PDB file of N, CA and C in Angstrom:
ATOM      1  N   MET A   1       5.371   1.166 -29.683  1.00  0.00           N
ATOM      2  CA  MET A   1       5.044   2.575 -29.629  1.00  0.00           C
ATOM      3  C   MET A   1       6.172   3.351 -30.284  1.00  0.00           C
ATOM      4  N   ALA A   2       5.814   4.266 -31.116  1.00  0.00           N
ATOM      5  CA  ALA A   2       6.817   5.088 -31.788  1.00  0.00           C
ATOM      6  C   ALA A   2       7.440   6.055 -30.786  1.00  0.00           C
ATOM      7  N   ALA A   3       8.647   6.475 -31.073  1.00  0.00           N
ATOM      8  CA  ALA A   3       9.375   7.342 -30.154  1.00  0.00           C
ATOM      9  C   ALA A   3       8.702   8.699 -29.959  1.00  0.00           C
ATOM     10  N   THR A   4       7.880   9.120 -30.905  1.00  0.00           N
ATOM     11  CA  THR A   4       7.255  10.437 -30.801  1.00  0.00           C
ATOM     12  C   THR A   4       5.944  10.409 -30.026  1.00  0.00           C
ATOM     13  N   GLU A   5       5.402   9.238 -29.770  1.00  0.00           N
ATOM     14  CA  GLU A   5       4.131   9.148 -29.047  1.00  0.00           C
ATOM     15  C   GLU A   5       4.347   9.361 -27.557  1.00  0.00           C
ATOM     16  N   GLN A   6       3.389  10.007 -26.917  1.00  0.00           N
ATOM     17  CA  GLN A   6       3.429  10.205 -25.475  1.00  0.00           C
ATOM     18  C   GLN A   6       2.731   9.024 -24.807  1.00  0.00           C
ATOM     19  N   PRO A   7       3.295   8.456 -23.740  1.00  0.00           N
ATOM     20  CA  PRO A   7       2.595   7.407 -23.015  1.00  0.00           C
ATOM     21  C   PRO A   7       1.366   7.992 -22.321  1.00  0.00           C
ATOM     22  N   SER A   8       0.354   7.171 -22.089  1.00  0.00           N
ATOM     23  CA  SER A   8      -0.868   7.660 -21.456  1.00  0.00           C
ATOM     24  C   SER A   8      -0.661   7.962 -19.976  1.00  0.00           C
ATOM     25  N   VAL A   9       0.329   7.333 -19.372  1.00  0.00           N
ATOM     26  CA  VAL A   9       0.632   7.563 -17.964  1.00  0.00           C
ATOM     27  C   VAL A   9       2.082   8.021 -17.875  1.00  0.00           C
ATOM     28  N   PRO A  10       2.340   9.103 -17.153  1.00  0.00           N
ATOM     29  CA  PRO A  10       3.718   9.559 -17.045  1.00  0.00           C
ATOM     30  C   PRO A  10       4.592   8.515 -16.357  1.00  0.00           C
ATOM     31  N   ARG A  11       5.812   8.386 -16.812  1.00  0.00           N
ATOM     32  CA  ARG A  11       6.734   7.446 -16.189  1.00  0.00           C
ATOM     33  C   ARG A  11       7.186   8.000 -14.857  1.00  0.00           C
ATOM     34  N   LYS A  12       7.343   7.107 -13.901  1.00  0.00           N
ATOM     35  CA  LYS A  12       7.785   7.515 -12.583  1.00  0.00           C
ATOM     36  C   LYS A  12       9.291   7.315 -12.500  1.00  0.00           C
ATOM     37  N   SER A  13       9.997   8.381 -12.240  1.00  0.00           N
ATOM     38  CA  SER A  13      11.436   8.255 -12.077  1.00  0.00           C
ATOM     39  C   SER A  13      11.766   8.221 -10.598  1.00  0.00           C
ATOM     40  N   SER A  14      12.956   7.796 -10.268  1.00  0.00           N
ATOM     41  CA  SER A  14      13.345   7.703  -8.868  1.00  0.00           C
ATOM     42  C   SER A  14      13.422   9.074  -8.208  1.00  0.00           C
ATOM     43  N   SER A  15      13.481  10.129  -9.004  1.00  0.00           N
ATOM     44  CA  SER A  15      13.558  11.471  -8.428  1.00  0.00           C
ATOM     45  C   SER A  15      12.183  12.050  -8.102  1.00  0.00           C
ATOM     46  N   ASP A  16      11.103  11.394  -8.568  1.00  0.00           N
ATOM     47  CA  ASP A  16       9.752  11.883  -8.282  1.00  0.00           C
ATOM     48  C   ASP A  16       9.405  11.611  -6.821  1.00  0.00           C
ATOM     49  N   SER A  17       8.855  12.597  -6.163  1.00  0.00           N
ATOM     50  CA  SER A  17       8.349  12.353  -4.815  1.00  0.00           C
ATOM     51  C   SER A  17       6.888  11.961  -4.935  1.00  0.00           C
ATOM     52  N   ILE A  18       6.374  11.322  -3.913  1.00  0.00           N
ATOM     53  CA  ILE A  18       4.988  10.843  -3.947  1.00  0.00           C
ATOM     54  C   ILE A  18       4.022  12.026  -4.061  1.00  0.00           C
ATOM     55  N   ASP A  19       4.372  13.181  -3.501  1.00  0.00           N
ATOM     56  CA  ASP A  19       3.481  14.335  -3.548  1.00  0.00           C
ATOM     57  C   ASP A  19       3.465  15.007  -4.908  1.00  0.00           C
ATOM     58  N   SER A  20       4.519  14.835  -5.713  1.00  0.00           N
ATOM     59  CA  SER A  20       4.553  15.504  -7.007  1.00  0.00           C
ATOM     60  C   SER A  20       4.009  14.627  -8.128  1.00  0.00           C
ATOM     61  N   ALA A  21       3.730  13.366  -7.843  1.00  0.00           N
ATOM     62  CA  ALA A  21       3.240  12.469  -8.879  1.00  0.00           C
ATOM     63  C   ALA A  21       1.805  12.850  -9.232  1.00  0.00           C
ATOM     64  N   PRO A  22       1.525  13.117 -10.505  1.00  0.00           N
ATOM     65  CA  PRO A  22       0.198  13.586 -10.889  1.00  0.00           C
ATOM     66  C   PRO A  22      -0.890  12.520 -10.755  1.00  0.00           C
ATOM     67  N   TRP A  23      -0.532  11.240 -10.700  1.00  0.00           N
ATOM     68  CA  TRP A  23      -1.548  10.197 -10.641  1.00  0.00           C
ATOM     69  C   TRP A  23      -1.879   9.785  -9.210  1.00  0.00           C
ATOM     70  N   VAL A  24      -1.293  10.443  -8.220  1.00  0.00           N
ATOM     71  CA  VAL A  24      -1.571  10.125  -6.818  1.00  0.00           C
ATOM     72  C   VAL A  24      -2.529  11.176  -6.285  1.00  0.00           C
ATOM     73  N   ASP A  25      -3.676  10.725  -5.809  1.00  0.00           N
ATOM     74  CA  ASP A  25      -4.639  11.672  -5.276  1.00  0.00           C
ATOM     75  C   ASP A  25      -4.587  11.690  -3.750  1.00  0.00           C
ATOM     76  N   GLU A  26      -5.443  12.485  -3.149  1.00  0.00           N
ATOM     77  CA  GLU A  26      -5.454  12.660  -1.703  1.00  0.00           C
ATOM     78  C   GLU A  26      -5.735  11.344  -0.972  1.00  0.00           C
ATOM     79  N   VAL A  27      -6.625  10.537  -1.505  1.00  0.00           N
ATOM     80  CA  VAL A  27      -6.955   9.254  -0.874  1.00  0.00           C
ATOM     81  C   VAL A  27      -5.729   8.341  -0.844  1.00  0.00           C
ATOM     82  N   LEU A  28      -5.029   8.247  -1.969  1.00  0.00           N
ATOM     83  CA  LEU A  28      -3.828   7.419  -2.009  1.00  0.00           C
ATOM     84  C   LEU A  28      -2.747   7.965  -1.085  1.00  0.00           C
ATOM     85  N   ARG A  29      -2.605   9.265  -1.032  1.00  0.00           N
ATOM     86  CA  ARG A  29      -1.611   9.876  -0.145  1.00  0.00           C
ATOM     87  C   ARG A  29      -1.908   9.497   1.303  1.00  0.00           C
ATOM     88  N   ASP A  30      -3.198   9.551   1.697  1.00  0.00           N
ATOM     89  CA  ASP A  30      -3.594   9.167   3.052  1.00  0.00           C
ATOM     90  C   ASP A  30      -3.357   7.681   3.291  1.00  0.00           C
ATOM     91  N   LEU A  31      -3.670   6.875   2.294  1.00  0.00           N
ATOM     92  CA  LEU A  31      -3.453   5.438   2.416  1.00  0.00           C
ATOM     93  C   LEU A  31      -1.971   5.127   2.604  1.00  0.00           C
ATOM     94  N   TYR A  32      -1.115   5.750   1.793  1.00  0.00           N
ATOM     95  CA  TYR A  32       0.322   5.522   1.909  1.00  0.00           C
ATOM     96  C   TYR A  32       0.840   5.992   3.269  1.00  0.00           C
ATOM     97  N   ALA A  33       0.323   7.116   3.761  1.00  0.00           N
ATOM     98  CA  ALA A  33       0.754   7.633   5.063  1.00  0.00           C
ATOM     99  C   ALA A  33       0.347   6.670   6.176  1.00  0.00           C
ATOM    100  N   SER A  34      -0.875   6.130   6.089  1.00  0.00           N
ATOM    101  CA  SER A  34      -1.332   5.160   7.092  1.00  0.00           C
ATOM    102  C   SER A  34      -0.497   3.891   7.049  1.00  0.00           C
ATOM    103  N   ARG A  35      -0.219   3.425   5.842  1.00  0.00           N
ATOM    104  CA  ARG A  35       0.604   2.219   5.680  1.00  0.00           C
ATOM    105  C   ARG A  35       1.992   2.434   6.267  1.00  0.00           C
ATOM    106  N   ASP A  36       2.588   3.572   5.975  1.00  0.00           N
ATOM    107  CA  ASP A  36       3.928   3.856   6.484  1.00  0.00           C
ATOM    108  C   ASP A  36       3.931   3.996   8.004  1.00  0.00           C
ATOM    109  N   ALA A  37       2.891   4.619   8.558  1.00  0.00           N
ATOM    110  CA  ALA A  37       2.798   4.760  10.015  1.00  0.00           C
ATOM    111  C   ALA A  37       2.644   3.392  10.674  1.00  0.00           C
ATOM    112  N   TYR A  38       1.798   2.539  10.105  1.00  0.00           N
ATOM    113  CA  TYR A  38       1.597   1.187  10.657  1.00  0.00           C
ATOM    114  C   TYR A  38       2.901   0.394  10.605  1.00  0.00           C
ATOM    115  N   ALA A  39       3.592   0.454   9.487  1.00  0.00           N
ATOM    116  CA  ALA A  39       4.866  -0.254   9.360  1.00  0.00           C
ATOM    117  C   ALA A  39       5.884   0.306  10.350  1.00  0.00           C
ATOM    118  N   GLY A  40       5.881   1.618  10.536  1.00  0.00           N
ATOM    119  CA  GLY A  40       6.802   2.247  11.481  1.00  0.00           C
ATOM    120  C   GLY A  40       6.548   1.813  12.910  1.00  0.00           C
ATOM    121  N   GLU A  41       5.274   1.590  13.269  1.00  0.00           N
ATOM    122  CA  GLU A  41       4.937   1.111  14.616  1.00  0.00           C
ATOM    123  C   GLU A  41       5.556  -0.254  14.890  1.00  0.00           C
ATOM    124  N   HIS A  42       5.846  -0.985  13.838  1.00  0.00           N
ATOM    125  CA  HIS A  42       6.409  -2.330  13.975  1.00  0.00           C
ATOM    126  C   HIS A  42       7.864  -2.372  13.513  1.00  0.00           C
ATOM    127  N   GLY A  43       8.503  -1.214  13.499  1.00  0.00           N
ATOM    128  CA  GLY A  43       9.909  -1.131  13.142  1.00  0.00           C
ATOM    129  C   GLY A  43      10.200  -1.537  11.708  1.00  0.00           C
ATOM    130  N   ASN A  44       9.199  -1.434  10.841  1.00  0.00           N
ATOM    131  CA  ASN A  44       9.319  -1.853   9.437  1.00  0.00           C
ATOM    132  C   ASN A  44       9.800  -3.300   9.319  1.00  0.00           C
ATOM    133  N   ASP A  45       9.476  -4.092  10.322  1.00  0.00           N
ATOM    134  CA  ASP A  45       9.871  -5.503  10.361  1.00  0.00           C
ATOM    135  C   ASP A  45       8.698  -6.339   9.854  1.00  0.00           C
ATOM    136  N   LEU A  46       8.874  -6.979   8.713  1.00  0.00           N
ATOM    137  CA  LEU A  46       7.798  -7.724   8.083  1.00  0.00           C
ATOM    138  C   LEU A  46       7.287  -8.851   8.978  1.00  0.00           C
ATOM    139  N   ASP A  47       8.175  -9.518   9.707  1.00  0.00           N
ATOM    140  CA  ASP A  47       7.737 -10.591  10.610  1.00  0.00           C
ATOM    141  C   ASP A  47       6.824 -10.051  11.698  1.00  0.00           C
ATOM    142  N   ARG A  48       7.155  -8.892  12.249  1.00  0.00           N
ATOM    143  CA  ARG A  48       6.306  -8.285  13.289  1.00  0.00           C
ATOM    144  C   ARG A  48       4.970  -7.834  12.709  1.00  0.00           C
ATOM    145  N   ILE A  49       4.989  -7.318  11.497  1.00  0.00           N
ATOM    146  CA  ILE A  49       3.748  -6.873  10.850  1.00  0.00           C
ATOM    147  C   ILE A  49       2.828  -8.067  10.614  1.00  0.00           C
ATOM    148  N   VAL A  50       3.376  -9.153  10.083  1.00  0.00           N
ATOM    149  CA  VAL A  50       2.575 -10.358   9.819  1.00  0.00           C
ATOM    150  C   VAL A  50       2.028 -10.914  11.129  1.00  0.00           C
ATOM    151  N   ALA A  51       2.843 -10.955  12.167  1.00  0.00           N
ATOM    152  CA  ALA A  51       2.386 -11.459  13.465  1.00  0.00           C
ATOM    153  C   ALA A  51       1.231 -10.608  13.996  1.00  0.00           C
ATOM    154  N   ASP A  52       1.327  -9.285  13.860  1.00  0.00           N
ATOM    155  CA  ASP A  52       0.259  -8.403  14.330  1.00  0.00           C
ATOM    156  C   ASP A  52      -1.017  -8.605  13.521  1.00  0.00           C
ATOM    157  N   LEU A  53      -0.883  -8.692  12.201  1.00  0.00           N
ATOM    158  CA  LEU A  53      -2.065  -8.902  11.366  1.00  0.00           C
ATOM    159  C   LEU A  53      -2.722 -10.251  11.652  1.00  0.00           C
ATOM    160  N   THR A  54      -1.911 -11.275  11.886  1.00  0.00           N
ATOM    161  CA  THR A  54      -2.439 -12.600  12.217  1.00  0.00           C
ATOM    162  C   THR A  54      -3.187 -12.549  13.544  1.00  0.00           C
ATOM    163  N   ARG A  55      -2.603 -11.868  14.538  1.00  0.00           N
ATOM    164  CA  ARG A  55      -3.270 -11.726  15.843  1.00  0.00           C
ATOM    165  C   ARG A  55      -4.585 -10.978  15.682  1.00  0.00           C
ATOM    166  N   ARG A  56      -4.573  -9.895  14.916  1.00  0.00           N
ATOM    167  CA  ARG A  56      -5.797  -9.122  14.704  1.00  0.00           C
ATOM    168  C   ARG A  56      -6.876  -9.957  14.010  1.00  0.00           C
ATOM    169  N   GLU A  57      -6.452 -10.745  13.038  1.00  0.00           N
ATOM    170  CA  GLU A  57      -7.409 -11.570  12.309  1.00  0.00           C
ATOM    171  C   GLU A  57      -8.059 -12.592  13.235  1.00  0.00           C
ATOM    172  N   LYS A  58      -7.271 -13.204  14.125  1.00  0.00           N
ATOM    173  CA  LYS A  58      -7.805 -14.218  15.042  1.00  0.00           C
ATOM    174  C   LYS A  58      -8.773 -13.623  16.054  1.00  0.00           C
ATOM    175  N   THR A  59      -8.540 -12.386  16.469  1.00  0.00           N
ATOM    176  CA  THR A  59      -9.401 -11.771  17.485  1.00  0.00           C
ATOM    177  C   THR A  59     -10.525 -10.944  16.876  1.00  0.00           C
ATOM    178  N   SER A  60     -10.561 -10.819  15.567  1.00  0.00           N
ATOM    179  CA  SER A  60     -11.575 -10.024  14.896  1.00  0.00           C
ATOM    180  C   SER A  60     -12.934 -10.723  14.937  1.00  0.00           C
ATOM    181  N   GLU A  61     -13.965  -9.927  15.031  1.00  0.00           N
ATOM    182  CA  GLU A  61     -15.315 -10.470  14.993  1.00  0.00           C
ATOM    183  C   GLU A  61     -15.892 -10.469  13.576  1.00  0.00           C
ATOM    184  N   VAL A  62     -15.107 -10.071  12.614  1.00  0.00           N
ATOM    185  CA  VAL A  62     -15.544 -10.071  11.222  1.00  0.00           C
ATOM    186  C   VAL A  62     -15.601 -11.522  10.753  1.00  0.00           C
ATOM    187  N   ARG A  63     -16.735 -11.898  10.207  1.00  0.00           N
ATOM    188  CA  ARG A  63     -16.880 -13.272   9.721  1.00  0.00           C
ATOM    189  C   ARG A  63     -16.333 -13.368   8.324  1.00  0.00           C
ATOM    190  N   ARG A  64     -15.661 -14.467   8.067  1.00  0.00           N
ATOM    191  CA  ARG A  64     -15.092 -14.711   6.749  1.00  0.00           C
ATOM    192  C   ARG A  64     -15.679 -15.992   6.190  1.00  0.00           C
ATOM    193  N   PHE A  65     -15.821 -16.001   4.887  1.00  0.00           N
ATOM    194  CA  PHE A  65     -16.313 -17.206   4.240  1.00  0.00           C
ATOM    195  C   PHE A  65     -15.178 -18.225   4.173  1.00  0.00           C
ATOM    196  N   ARG A  66     -15.508 -19.452   4.517  1.00  0.00           N
ATOM    197  CA  ARG A  66     -14.526 -20.527   4.382  1.00  0.00           C
ATOM    198  C   ARG A  66     -15.132 -21.641   3.561  1.00  0.00           C
ATOM    199  N   GLU A  67     -14.331 -22.176   2.669  1.00  0.00           N
ATOM    200  CA  GLU A  67     -14.770 -23.288   1.853  1.00  0.00           C
ATOM    201  C   GLU A  67     -15.064 -24.492   2.756  1.00  0.00           C
ATOM    202  N   PRO A  68     -16.150 -25.218   2.477  1.00  0.00           N
ATOM    203  CA  PRO A  68     -16.407 -26.440   3.246  1.00  0.00           C
ATOM    204  C   PRO A  68     -15.300 -27.464   2.996  1.00  0.00           C
ATOM    205  N   GLU A  69     -14.950 -28.177   4.042  1.00  0.00           N
ATOM    206  CA  GLU A  69     -13.881 -29.167   3.899  1.00  0.00           C
ATOM    207  C   GLU A  69     -14.387 -30.466   3.354  1.00  0.00           C
TER     208      GLU A  69
END
């Protein structure tokens, strides 16, 4: 790409906040807020998050497809 061409997507710098980013819409903002709240409930500890998700998956009534053995 030539130096004078504009990229199709604005570059995200470390100074950009999630609310000022033009490519983030309301749905993504809500999704990020939910994700952050869920992680916060588990102290942002990945091991605790995985353990909770594993427990939820085992107790869920949602059926999943499994390959025949």
